[in-house]
Amino acid sequence: MDIVDNVAQHRYELPVDGGTAFLQYQRRAGVVTLIHTEVPPALRGGGVAGRLARHALEAARSAGEKVVPMCPYVQAYLQKHPEYSDLIRH
């Protein structure tokens, strides 16, 4: 399945096996704040959260946005993937 940008609910969504994983965000003037990642318990450990984080970071890069990683999962993802460090707003 493809990740969908649910603009009305301010989140990227990934429907998987009857559930929906999502990454909540807030967008303002060239900055996207990644707030919270939620993956249904049955889907955890399968790389779903990583797919969401990567998608959000790639979307920010494509839009020329900086990222504020409030979500602990996204913070950990960024530590493991320094190729996205240029996106972090300091």
Protein backbone atom coordinates (compact mmCIF):
# COMPACT_ATOMS: atom_id res chain seq x y z
CA MET A 1 0.00 0.00 0.00
CA ASP A 2 1.02 3.58 -0.54
CA ILE A 3 1.36 6.24 2.12
CA VAL A 4 -1.32 8.91 1.87
CA ASP A 5 -1.06 12.52 3.04
CA ASN A 6 -4.32 13.09 4.92
CA VAL A 7 -4.13 16.88 4.89
CA ALA A 8 -7.44 17.30 6.74
CA GLN A 9 -6.12 15.34 9.74
CA HIS A 10 -2.50 16.53 9.38
CA ARG A 11 -0.98 13.10 9.12
CA TYR A 12 0.66 10.64 6.79
CA GLU A 13 -1.29 7.38 6.80
CA LEU A 14 -0.38 3.85 5.80
CA PRO A 15 -3.26 1.35 5.73
CA VAL A 16 -1.86 -2.10 6.53
CA ASP A 17 -3.73 -5.37 7.17
CA GLY A 18 -7.00 -3.74 8.24
CA GLY A 19 -5.33 -1.13 10.46
CA THR A 20 -3.89 2.30 9.84
CA ALA A 21 -0.49 3.49 10.96
CA PHE A 22 0.14 7.22 10.90
CA LEU A 23 2.61 10.01 11.55
CA GLN A 24 0.98 13.21 12.81
CA TYR A 25 2.50 16.50 11.66
CA GLN A 26 2.04 20.25 11.77
CA ARG A 27 3.11 22.47 8.89
CA ARG A 28 3.96 26.19 9.09
CA ALA A 29 5.95 28.50 6.82
CA GLY A 30 8.56 26.10 5.49
CA VAL A 31 8.75 23.95 8.62
CA VAL A 32 7.07 20.63 9.30
CA THR A 33 6.92 19.42 12.91
CA LEU A 34 6.71 15.63 13.16
CA ILE A 35 4.65 15.11 16.30
CA HIS A 36 3.69 11.48 16.84
CA THR A 37 3.96 8.10 15.14
CA GLU A 38 1.30 5.49 15.87
CA VAL A 39 1.42 1.90 14.65
CA PRO A 40 -1.28 -0.61 15.66
CA PRO A 41 0.21 -3.23 18.04
CA ALA A 42 -0.25 -6.09 15.58
CA LEU A 43 1.86 -4.24 12.99
CA ARG A 44 4.79 -3.21 15.19
CA GLY A 45 8.25 -4.46 14.36
CA GLY A 46 7.56 -4.76 10.65
CA GLY A 47 9.17 -1.54 9.45
CA VAL A 48 5.91 0.40 9.16
CA ALA A 49 7.04 3.31 11.35
CA GLY A 50 10.29 3.53 9.40
CA ARG A 51 8.39 3.76 6.13
CA LEU A 52 6.30 6.61 7.54
CA ALA A 53 9.36 8.47 8.87
CA ARG A 54 11.25 8.10 5.59
CA HIS A 55 8.21 9.27 3.62
CA ALA A 56 7.74 12.34 5.83
CA LEU A 57 11.41 13.27 5.56
CA GLU A 58 11.47 12.79 1.79
CA ALA A 59 8.29 14.89 1.47
CA ALA A 60 9.90 17.66 3.53
CA ARG A 61 13.02 17.53 1.36
CA SER A 62 10.95 17.70 -1.84
CA ALA A 63 8.99 20.69 -0.51
CA GLY A 64 12.14 22.50 0.66
CA GLU A 65 10.96 22.34 4.28
CA LYS A 66 12.95 22.01 7.49
CA VAL A 67 11.92 19.41 10.08
CA VAL A 68 11.34 19.67 13.82
CA PRO A 69 11.38 16.07 15.10
CA MET A 70 9.24 16.07 18.26
CA CYS A 71 8.29 12.40 17.88
CA PRO A 72 10.72 10.09 19.76
CA TYR A 73 10.55 7.53 16.96
CA VAL A 74 11.49 10.11 14.32
CA GLN A 75 14.32 11.36 16.57
CA ALA A 76 15.69 7.81 16.78
CA TYR A 77 15.23 7.32 13.03
CA LEU A 78 17.22 10.49 12.33
CA GLN A 79 20.08 9.25 14.52
CA LYS A 80 20.26 6.06 12.44
CA HIS A 81 19.90 7.92 9.12
CA PRO A 82 22.29 10.89 9.10
CA GLU A 83 21.55 11.47 5.42
CA TYR A 84 18.52 13.45 6.64
CA SER A 85 20.43 15.60 9.16
CA ASP A 86 20.41 18.58 6.77
CA LEU A 87 16.62 18.75 7.18
CA ILE A 88 16.65 19.32 10.94
CA ARG A 89 15.78 22.85 11.99
CA HIS A 90 18.22 24.06 14.62
